[in-house]
PDB file of N, CA and C in Angstrom:
ATOM      1  N   MET A   1     115.254 -22.910  52.618  1.00  0.00           N
ATOM      2  CA  MET A   1     115.760 -23.439  51.557  1.00  0.00           C
ATOM      3  C   MET A   1     117.050 -24.109  50.808  1.00  0.00           C
ATOM      4  N   THR A   2     117.424 -25.291  50.505  1.00  0.00           N
ATOM      5  CA  THR A   2     117.796 -25.931  50.109  1.00  0.00           C
ATOM      6  C   THR A   2     119.111 -25.755  49.145  1.00  0.00           C
ATOM      7  N   TRP A   3     120.048 -26.080  49.248  1.00  0.00           N
ATOM      8  CA  TRP A   3     121.688 -25.585  48.392  1.00  0.00           C
ATOM      9  C   TRP A   3     121.030 -26.238  47.094  1.00  0.00           C
ATOM     10  N   MET A   4     119.850 -26.741  46.755  1.00  0.00           N
ATOM     11  CA  MET A   4     119.631 -27.176  45.501  1.00  0.00           C
ATOM     12  C   MET A   4     118.651 -25.960  44.605  1.00  0.00           C
ATOM     13  N   ASN A   5     117.848 -25.358  45.439  1.00  0.00           N
ATOM     14  CA  ASN A   5     117.407 -24.509  45.144  1.00  0.00           C
ATOM     15  C   ASN A   5     118.205 -23.038  44.459  1.00  0.00           C
ATOM     16  N   TRP A   6     119.702 -23.506  45.334  1.00  0.00           N
ATOM     17  CA  TRP A   6     120.391 -21.702  45.429  1.00  0.00           C
ATOM     18  C   TRP A   6     119.852 -21.330  42.710  1.00  0.00           C
ATOM     19  N   GLU A   7     120.546 -22.925  42.771  1.00  0.00           N
ATOM     20  CA  GLU A   7     120.875 -22.293  41.444  1.00  0.00           C
ATOM     21  C   GLU A   7     119.277 -22.033  40.583  1.00  0.00           C
ATOM     22  N   LYS A   8     118.546 -22.101  41.420  1.00  0.00           N
ATOM     23  CA  LYS A   8     116.807 -20.927  40.601  1.00  0.00           C
ATOM     24  C   LYS A   8     117.089 -19.981  40.687  1.00  0.00           C
ATOM     25  N   LEU A   9     117.569 -20.037  42.159  1.00  0.00           N
ATOM     26  CA  LEU A   9     117.350 -17.923  41.947  1.00  0.00           C
ATOM     27  C   LEU A   9     118.465 -17.157  40.962  1.00  0.00           C
ATOM     28  N   SER A  10     117.130 -15.517  40.510  1.00  0.00           N
ATOM     29  CA  SER A  10     117.426 -15.116  39.765  1.00  0.00           C
ATOM     30  C   SER A  10     117.154 -13.564  40.069  1.00  0.00           C
ATOM     31  N   LEU A  11     117.960 -12.389  39.058  1.00  0.00           N
ATOM     32  CA  LEU A  11     118.178 -10.964  39.057  1.00  0.00           C
ATOM     33  C   LEU A  11     116.374 -10.681  38.899  1.00  0.00           C
ATOM     34  N   ALA A  12     115.074 -10.443  38.885  1.00  0.00           N
ATOM     35  CA  ALA A  12     114.239  -9.882  38.852  1.00  0.00           C
ATOM     36  C   ALA A  12     114.933  -7.613  38.464  1.00  0.00           C
ATOM     37  N   PRO A  13     113.365  -7.832  37.361  1.00  0.00           N
ATOM     38  CA  PRO A  13     113.325  -6.576  36.230  1.00  0.00           C
ATOM     39  C   PRO A  13     112.674  -6.054  38.089  1.00  0.00           C
ATOM     40  N   PRO A  14     113.717  -4.684  37.255  1.00  0.00           N
ATOM     41  CA  PRO A  14     114.166  -3.606  39.184  1.00  0.00           C
ATOM     42  C   PRO A  14     111.675  -3.315  39.438  1.00  0.00           C
ATOM     43  N   PHE A  15     111.578  -2.762  40.647  1.00  0.00           N
ATOM     44  CA  PHE A  15     110.163  -2.641  40.604  1.00  0.00           C
ATOM     45  C   PHE A  15     109.625  -0.806  40.616  1.00  0.00           C
ATOM     46  N   ASN A  16     109.025  -0.487  40.121  1.00  0.00           N
ATOM     47  CA  ASN A  16     109.263   0.724  41.376  1.00  0.00           C
ATOM     48  C   ASN A  16     109.703   2.056  42.392  1.00  0.00           C
ATOM     49  N   PHE A  17     109.373   1.120  43.547  1.00  0.00           N
ATOM     50  CA  PHE A  17     109.669   1.170  44.742  1.00  0.00           C
ATOM     51  C   PHE A  17     111.004   0.680  44.878  1.00  0.00           C
ATOM     52  N   THR A  18     111.306   0.142  43.877  1.00  0.00           N
ATOM     53  CA  THR A  18     112.864  -0.117  44.407  1.00  0.00           C
ATOM     54  C   THR A  18     114.264   0.759  43.961  1.00  0.00           C
ATOM     55  N   LYS A  19     113.836   1.584  43.269  1.00  0.00           N
ATOM     56  CA  LYS A  19     115.060   2.962  42.775  1.00  0.00           C
ATOM     57  C   LYS A  19     115.578   2.111  41.230  1.00  0.00           C
ATOM     58  N   GLY A  20     114.577   1.060  40.905  1.00  0.00           N
ATOM     59  CA  GLY A  20     116.340   1.289  40.085  1.00  0.00           C
ATOM     60  C   GLY A  20     117.356  -0.328  39.860  1.00  0.00           C
ATOM     61  N   LEU A  21     116.771  -0.499  41.021  1.00  0.00           N
ATOM     62  CA  LEU A  21     118.117  -2.039  41.530  1.00  0.00           C
ATOM     63  C   LEU A  21     116.883  -2.847  41.255  1.00  0.00           C
ATOM     64  N   GLN A  22     117.733  -3.797  40.722  1.00  0.00           N
ATOM     65  CA  GLN A  22     117.122  -4.875  40.783  1.00  0.00           C
ATOM     66  C   GLN A  22     116.963  -5.858  42.406  1.00  0.00           C
ATOM     67  N   VAL A  23     115.702  -6.424  42.172  1.00  0.00           N
ATOM     68  CA  VAL A  23     116.071  -7.804  42.722  1.00  0.00           C
ATOM     69  C   VAL A  23     115.380  -9.435  42.907  1.00  0.00           C
ATOM     70  N   LEU A  24     115.488 -10.186  44.164  1.00  0.00           N
ATOM     71  CA  LEU A  24     115.652 -11.222  43.417  1.00  0.00           C
ATOM     72  C   LEU A  24     115.533 -13.008  43.555  1.00  0.00           C
ATOM     73  N   ARG A  25     114.626 -12.361  42.618  1.00  0.00           N
ATOM     74  CA  ARG A  25     113.616 -13.490  42.503  1.00  0.00           C
ATOM     75  C   ARG A  25     113.702 -14.802  43.258  1.00  0.00           C
ATOM     76  N   ILE A  26     112.784 -15.181  43.728  1.00  0.00           N
ATOM     77  CA  ILE A  26     112.576 -16.689  44.408  1.00  0.00           C
ATOM     78  C   ILE A  26     111.821 -17.768  44.112  1.00  0.00           C
ATOM     79  N   PRO A  27     112.410 -19.236  43.564  1.00  0.00           N
ATOM     80  CA  PRO A  27     110.958 -19.740  43.054  1.00  0.00           C
ATOM     81  C   PRO A  27     109.830 -19.853  44.409  1.00  0.00           C
ATOM     82  N   ALA A  28     109.165 -19.809  44.325  1.00  0.00           N
ATOM     83  CA  ALA A  28     108.032 -20.389  45.728  1.00  0.00           C
ATOM     84  C   ALA A  28     107.808 -21.564  45.542  1.00  0.00           C
ATOM     85  N   ARG A  29     107.164 -21.658  46.864  1.00  0.00           N
ATOM     86  CA  ARG A  29     106.984 -23.800  47.347  1.00  0.00           C
ATOM     87  C   ARG A  29     104.823 -23.665  47.255  1.00  0.00           C
ATOM     88  N   GLU A  30     105.076 -24.641  46.721  1.00  0.00           N
ATOM     89  CA  GLU A  30     103.393 -24.748  47.000  1.00  0.00           C
ATOM     90  C   GLU A  30     103.026 -24.518  48.873  1.00  0.00           C
ATOM     91  N   LYS A  31     102.574 -24.223  49.690  1.00  0.00           N
ATOM     92  CA  LYS A  31     103.289 -25.106  51.491  1.00  0.00           C
ATOM     93  C   LYS A  31     102.270 -25.609  51.603  1.00  0.00           C
ATOM     94  N   TYR A  32     101.191 -25.168  50.760  1.00  0.00           N
ATOM     95  CA  TYR A  32     100.492 -26.005  51.758  1.00  0.00           C
ATOM     96  C   TYR A  32      99.669 -27.029  49.924  1.00  0.00           C
ATOM     97  N   LYS A  33     100.279 -28.197  49.833  1.00  0.00           N
ATOM     98  CA  LYS A  33      99.650 -28.995  48.738  1.00  0.00           C
ATOM     99  C   LYS A  33      98.232 -28.785  48.616  1.00  0.00           C
ATOM    100  N   GLY A  34      97.407 -28.045  47.142  1.00  0.00           N
ATOM    101  CA  GLY A  34      95.504 -29.183  46.724  1.00  0.00           C
ATOM    102  C   GLY A  34      94.924 -27.193  46.538  1.00  0.00           C
ATOM    103  N   VAL A  35      96.113 -26.242  48.255  1.00  0.00           N
ATOM    104  CA  VAL A  35      95.434 -24.848  48.465  1.00  0.00           C
ATOM    105  C   VAL A  35      94.727 -24.528  47.558  1.00  0.00           C
ATOM    106  N   ASN A  36      95.414 -24.204  45.794  1.00  0.00           N
ATOM    107  CA  ASN A  36      94.464 -24.257  44.805  1.00  0.00           C
ATOM    108  C   ASN A  36      93.259 -24.853  43.861  1.00  0.00           C
ATOM    109  N   SER A  37      93.381 -25.783  44.610  1.00  0.00           N
ATOM    110  CA  SER A  37      91.720 -26.593  43.408  1.00  0.00           C
ATOM    111  C   SER A  37      91.284 -26.468  44.496  1.00  0.00           C
ATOM    112  N   PHE A  38      90.789 -26.263  45.052  1.00  0.00           N
ATOM    113  CA  PHE A  38      89.723 -26.266  45.458  1.00  0.00           C
ATOM    114  C   PHE A  38      89.053 -24.131  44.814  1.00  0.00           C
ATOM    115  N   GLY A  39      89.573 -23.693  43.866  1.00  0.00           N
ATOM    116  CA  GLY A  39      89.224 -22.403  43.263  1.00  0.00           C
ATOM    117  C   GLY A  39      89.316 -20.889  44.802  1.00  0.00           C
ATOM    118  N   HIS A  40      88.390 -19.854  43.892  1.00  0.00           N
ATOM    119  CA  HIS A  40      88.643 -19.375  45.191  1.00  0.00           C
ATOM    120  C   HIS A  40      87.462 -19.071  45.488  1.00  0.00           C
ATOM    121  N   LEU A  41      87.722 -18.284  47.294  1.00  0.00           N
ATOM    122  CA  LEU A  41      86.248 -18.564  47.839  1.00  0.00           C
ATOM    123  C   LEU A  41      85.922 -16.552  48.125  1.00  0.00           C
ATOM    124  N   LEU A  42      84.924 -15.756  48.940  1.00  0.00           N
ATOM    125  CA  LEU A  42      84.425 -14.683  48.632  1.00  0.00           C
ATOM    126  C   LEU A  42      83.650 -14.944  50.157  1.00  0.00           C
ATOM    127  N   PHE A  43      84.647 -14.031  51.032  1.00  0.00           N
ATOM    128  CA  PHE A  43      83.333 -13.499  51.571  1.00  0.00           C
ATOM    129  C   PHE A  43      82.835 -12.253  52.211  1.00  0.00           C
ATOM    130  N   ASP A  44      81.538 -12.521  52.840  1.00  0.00           N
ATOM    131  CA  ASP A  44      81.993 -11.016  54.002  1.00  0.00           C
ATOM    132  C   ASP A  44      82.088 -10.246  55.198  1.00  0.00           C
ATOM    133  N   LEU A  45      82.446 -10.484  55.667  1.00  0.00           N
ATOM    134  CA  LEU A  45      83.931 -10.788  56.798  1.00  0.00           C
ATOM    135  C   LEU A  45      82.626  -9.551  57.359  1.00  0.00           C
ATOM    136  N   ARG A  46      81.965  -8.319  57.646  1.00  0.00           N
ATOM    137  CA  ARG A  46      81.431  -7.961  58.396  1.00  0.00           C
ATOM    138  C   ARG A  46      80.218  -9.028  58.804  1.00  0.00           C
ATOM    139  N   ASP A  47      79.730  -9.191  57.665  1.00  0.00           N
ATOM    140  CA  ASP A  47      78.357  -9.820  58.592  1.00  0.00           C
ATOM    141  C   ASP A  47      78.630 -11.988  58.123  1.00  0.00           C
ATOM    142  N   ASP A  48      79.645 -11.933  57.863  1.00  0.00           N
ATOM    143  CA  ASP A  48      79.429 -13.419  58.271  1.00  0.00           C
ATOM    144  C   ASP A  48      81.469 -13.224  58.354  1.00  0.00           C
ATOM    145  N   PRO A  49      82.254 -13.138  59.620  1.00  0.00           N
ATOM    146  CA  PRO A  49      83.320 -13.026  59.966  1.00  0.00           C
ATOM    147  C   PRO A  49      83.946 -14.727  60.781  1.00  0.00           C
ATOM    148  N   GLN A  50      82.826 -15.285  60.489  1.00  0.00           N
ATOM    149  CA  GLN A  50      83.575 -16.781  60.565  1.00  0.00           C
ATOM    150  C   GLN A  50      83.986 -17.544  59.427  1.00  0.00           C
ATOM    151  N   GLN A  51      83.290 -16.983  58.019  1.00  0.00           N
ATOM    152  CA  GLN A  51      83.620 -17.376  57.204  1.00  0.00           C
ATOM    153  C   GLN A  51      82.816 -18.720  56.131  1.00  0.00           C
ATOM    154  N   GLN A  52      81.485 -18.747  57.206  1.00  0.00           N
ATOM    155  CA  GLN A  52      80.777 -19.997  56.902  1.00  0.00           C
ATOM    156  C   GLN A  52      79.849 -19.795  55.798  1.00  0.00           C
ATOM    157  N   HIS A  53      79.752 -18.595  55.089  1.00  0.00           N
ATOM    158  CA  HIS A  53      78.815 -18.479  53.719  1.00  0.00           C
ATOM    159  C   HIS A  53      79.165 -18.291  52.982  1.00  0.00           C
ATOM    160  N   PRO A  54      80.162 -18.245  52.118  1.00  0.00           N
ATOM    161  CA  PRO A  54      80.652 -18.052  50.213  1.00  0.00           C
ATOM    162  C   PRO A  54      79.645 -17.396  49.688  1.00  0.00           C
ATOM    163  N   ILE A  55      80.779 -16.231  49.911  1.00  0.00           N
ATOM    164  CA  ILE A  55      79.012 -15.786  48.026  1.00  0.00           C
ATOM    165  C   ILE A  55      79.601 -16.445  47.138  1.00  0.00           C
ATOM    166  N   HIS A  56      77.450 -15.964  46.414  1.00  0.00           N
ATOM    167  CA  HIS A  56      78.203 -16.800  44.436  1.00  0.00           C
ATOM    168  C   HIS A  56      77.273 -15.608  44.110  1.00  0.00           C
ATOM    169  N   ASP A  57      78.577 -14.755  43.439  1.00  0.00           N
ATOM    170  CA  ASP A  57      77.685 -13.207  43.020  1.00  0.00           C
ATOM    171  C   ASP A  57      78.358 -13.275  42.155  1.00  0.00           C
ATOM    172  N   GLU A  58      78.729 -12.864  40.591  1.00  0.00           N
ATOM    173  CA  GLU A  58      79.675 -12.727  39.642  1.00  0.00           C
ATOM    174  C   GLU A  58      79.255 -11.623  39.553  1.00  0.00           C
ATOM    175  N   ALA A  59      78.192 -10.438  40.330  1.00  0.00           N
ATOM    176  CA  ALA A  59      79.173  -9.018  39.427  1.00  0.00           C
ATOM    177  C   ALA A  59      79.957  -8.594  41.120  1.00  0.00           C
ATOM    178  N   ILE A  60      79.637  -8.833  42.399  1.00  0.00           N
ATOM    179  CA  ILE A  60      80.290  -8.299  43.149  1.00  0.00           C
ATOM    180  C   ILE A  60      82.268  -9.386  43.144  1.00  0.00           C
ATOM    181  N   GLU A  61      81.725 -10.751  42.661  1.00  0.00           N
ATOM    182  CA  GLU A  61      83.164 -11.761  41.984  1.00  0.00           C
ATOM    183  C   GLU A  61      83.854 -10.764  40.759  1.00  0.00           C
ATOM    184  N   ALA A  62      82.981 -10.170  39.832  1.00  0.00           N
ATOM    185  CA  ALA A  62      84.320  -9.934  38.626  1.00  0.00           C
ATOM    186  C   ALA A  62      84.305  -8.240  39.605  1.00  0.00           C
ATOM    187  N   ARG A  63      83.489  -7.169  40.527  1.00  0.00           N
ATOM    188  CA  ARG A  63      83.674  -6.328  40.782  1.00  0.00           C
ATOM    189  C   ARG A  63      84.998  -6.615  41.398  1.00  0.00           C
ATOM    190  N   MET A  64      85.122  -7.573  42.508  1.00  0.00           N
ATOM    191  CA  MET A  64      86.451  -7.602  43.958  1.00  0.00           C
ATOM    192  C   MET A  64      87.359  -8.591  43.225  1.00  0.00           C
ATOM    193  N   ILE A  65      87.760  -9.434  41.956  1.00  0.00           N
ATOM    194  CA  ILE A  65      88.520  -9.056  40.900  1.00  0.00           C
ATOM    195  C   ILE A  65      89.178  -8.091  40.476  1.00  0.00           C
ATOM    196  N   ASN A  66      88.696  -7.213  39.908  1.00  0.00           N
ATOM    197  CA  ASN A  66      88.643  -5.646  39.197  1.00  0.00           C
ATOM    198  C   ASN A  66      90.052  -5.019  40.013  1.00  0.00           C
ATOM    199  N   LEU A  67      89.149  -5.159  41.305  1.00  0.00           N
ATOM    200  CA  LEU A  67      89.858  -4.376  42.647  1.00  0.00           C
ATOM    201  C   LEU A  67      90.902  -4.220  43.287  1.00  0.00           C
ATOM    202  N   LEU A  68      91.388  -5.690  42.823  1.00  0.00           N
ATOM    203  CA  LEU A  68      93.053  -6.285  43.102  1.00  0.00           C
ATOM    204  C   LEU A  68      93.118  -6.196  42.006  1.00  0.00           C
ATOM    205  N   ILE A  69      93.167  -6.108  40.819  1.00  0.00           N
ATOM    206  CA  ILE A  69      94.025  -6.075  39.851  1.00  0.00           C
ATOM    207  C   ILE A  69      93.839  -4.517  39.612  1.00  0.00           C
ATOM    208  N   ARG A  70      93.735  -4.182  39.263  1.00  0.00           N
ATOM    209  CA  ARG A  70      94.023  -2.253  39.891  1.00  0.00           C
ATOM    210  C   ARG A  70      94.539  -2.664  41.924  1.00  0.00           C
ATOM    211  N   LEU A  71      94.597  -2.639  42.333  1.00  0.00           N
ATOM    212  CA  LEU A  71      95.786  -2.848  43.481  1.00  0.00           C
ATOM    213  C   LEU A  71      97.100  -3.347  43.089  1.00  0.00           C
ATOM    214  N   MET A  72      96.942  -4.500  42.279  1.00  0.00           N
ATOM    215  CA  MET A  72      97.961  -5.279  42.018  1.00  0.00           C
ATOM    216  C   MET A  72      98.640  -4.125  41.147  1.00  0.00           C
ATOM    217  N   LYS A  73      98.553  -3.723  40.175  1.00  0.00           N
ATOM    218  CA  LYS A  73      99.086  -3.147  38.889  1.00  0.00           C
ATOM    219  C   LYS A  73      99.726  -1.486  39.466  1.00  0.00           C
ATOM    220  N   GLU A  74      98.562  -0.790  40.990  1.00  0.00           N
ATOM    221  CA  GLU A  74      99.628   0.791  41.532  1.00  0.00           C
ATOM    222  C   GLU A  74     100.649  -0.052  41.808  1.00  0.00           C
ATOM    223  N   ASN A  75     101.152  -1.344  42.755  1.00  0.00           N
ATOM    224  CA  ASN A  75     102.648  -1.757  43.501  1.00  0.00           C
ATOM    225  C   ASN A  75     103.022  -2.467  42.713  1.00  0.00           C
ATOM    226  N   ASP A  76     102.662  -2.573  41.255  1.00  0.00           N
ATOM    227  CA  ASP A  76     104.072  -3.322  40.443  1.00  0.00           C
ATOM    228  C   ASP A  76     103.822  -4.639  40.644  1.00  0.00           C
ATOM    229  N   ALA A  77     102.588  -5.466  40.370  1.00  0.00           N
ATOM    230  CA  ALA A  77     103.034  -6.954  41.511  1.00  0.00           C
ATOM    231  C   ALA A  77     103.775  -7.238  39.970  1.00  0.00           C
ATOM    232  N   PRO A  78     104.775  -8.530  39.787  1.00  0.00           N
ATOM    233  CA  PRO A  78     104.962  -9.354  38.679  1.00  0.00           C
ATOM    234  C   PRO A  78     104.026  -9.335  38.110  1.00  0.00           C
ATOM    235  N   ALA A  79     104.186 -10.224  37.477  1.00  0.00           N
ATOM    236  CA  ALA A  79     103.717 -10.968  35.794  1.00  0.00           C
ATOM    237  C   ALA A  79     102.946 -11.612  36.601  1.00  0.00           C
ATOM    238  N   GLU A  80     103.697 -12.806  37.173  1.00  0.00           N
ATOM    239  CA  GLU A  80     103.962 -14.057  37.424  1.00  0.00           C
ATOM    240  C   GLU A  80     102.304 -14.340  38.743  1.00  0.00           C
ATOM    241  N   GLN A  81     103.222 -12.470  39.313  1.00  0.00           N
ATOM    242  CA  GLN A  81     101.939 -12.864  40.334  1.00  0.00           C
ATOM    243  C   GLN A  81     100.247 -12.617  39.560  1.00  0.00           C
ATOM    244  N   TYR A  82     100.090 -12.525  38.029  1.00  0.00           N
ATOM    245  CA  TYR A  82      99.254 -12.141  37.586  1.00  0.00           C
ATOM    246  C   TYR A  82      98.808 -13.571  37.667  1.00  0.00           C
ATOM    247  N   ARG A  83      99.419 -14.438  37.007  1.00  0.00           N
ATOM    248  CA  ARG A  83     100.058 -16.246  36.825  1.00  0.00           C
ATOM    249  C   ARG A  83      99.313 -16.948  37.054  1.00  0.00           C
ATOM    250  N   ARG A  84      99.963 -16.284  38.950  1.00  0.00           N
ATOM    251  CA  ARG A  84      99.792 -17.363  39.529  1.00  0.00           C
ATOM    252  C   ARG A  84      98.257 -17.590  40.136  1.00  0.00           C
ATOM    253  N   LEU A  85      97.071 -15.933  40.204  1.00  0.00           N
ATOM    254  CA  LEU A  85      96.000 -15.728  40.711  1.00  0.00           C
ATOM    255  C   LEU A  85      95.861 -16.205  38.954  1.00  0.00           C
ATOM    256  N   GLY A  86      95.686 -16.663  38.622  1.00  0.00           N
ATOM    257  CA  GLY A  86      94.982 -17.048  36.956  1.00  0.00           C
ATOM    258  C   GLY A  86      94.204 -15.456  36.629  1.00  0.00           C
ATOM    259  N   LEU A  87      94.840 -14.578  36.450  1.00  0.00           N
ATOM    260  CA  LEU A  87      94.287 -13.308  36.471  1.00  0.00           C
ATOM    261  C   LEU A  87      94.506 -13.428  35.305  1.00  0.00           C
ATOM    262  N   ASP A  88      93.601 -12.771  34.080  1.00  0.00           N
ATOM    263  CA  ASP A  88      94.620 -12.548  32.737  1.00  0.00           C
ATOM    264  C   ASP A  88      94.258 -10.990  32.472  1.00  0.00           C
ATOM    265  N   VAL A  89      95.702 -11.154  32.648  1.00  0.00           N
ATOM    266  CA  VAL A  89      95.678  -9.048  31.800  1.00  0.00           C
ATOM    267  C   VAL A  89      96.764  -9.239  31.319  1.00  0.00           C
ATOM    268  N   VAL A  90      97.258  -7.580  30.472  1.00  0.00           N
ATOM    269  CA  VAL A  90      97.535  -7.362  29.913  1.00  0.00           C
ATOM    270  C   VAL A  90      98.987  -6.937  29.748  1.00  0.00           C
TER     271      VAL A  90
END
């Protein structure tokens, strides 16, 4: 992190697991440019461990998204993580 980035640091509200303590919010950089330009891909790792054949099934995709949202809520994920993943959650 360069000194220039230090001025972008801020305190975030506490998470459930920080026992009331605020945490440091550090702006993220995209490590690989354009990684999100391909959208998301879903694979069956048991039947396709090499991830050669993406699953194109809206029902399975919706189920996985709902499971992801549930786990993110259970783990007190910050709102910006939902935005980063393109999840519309209130």
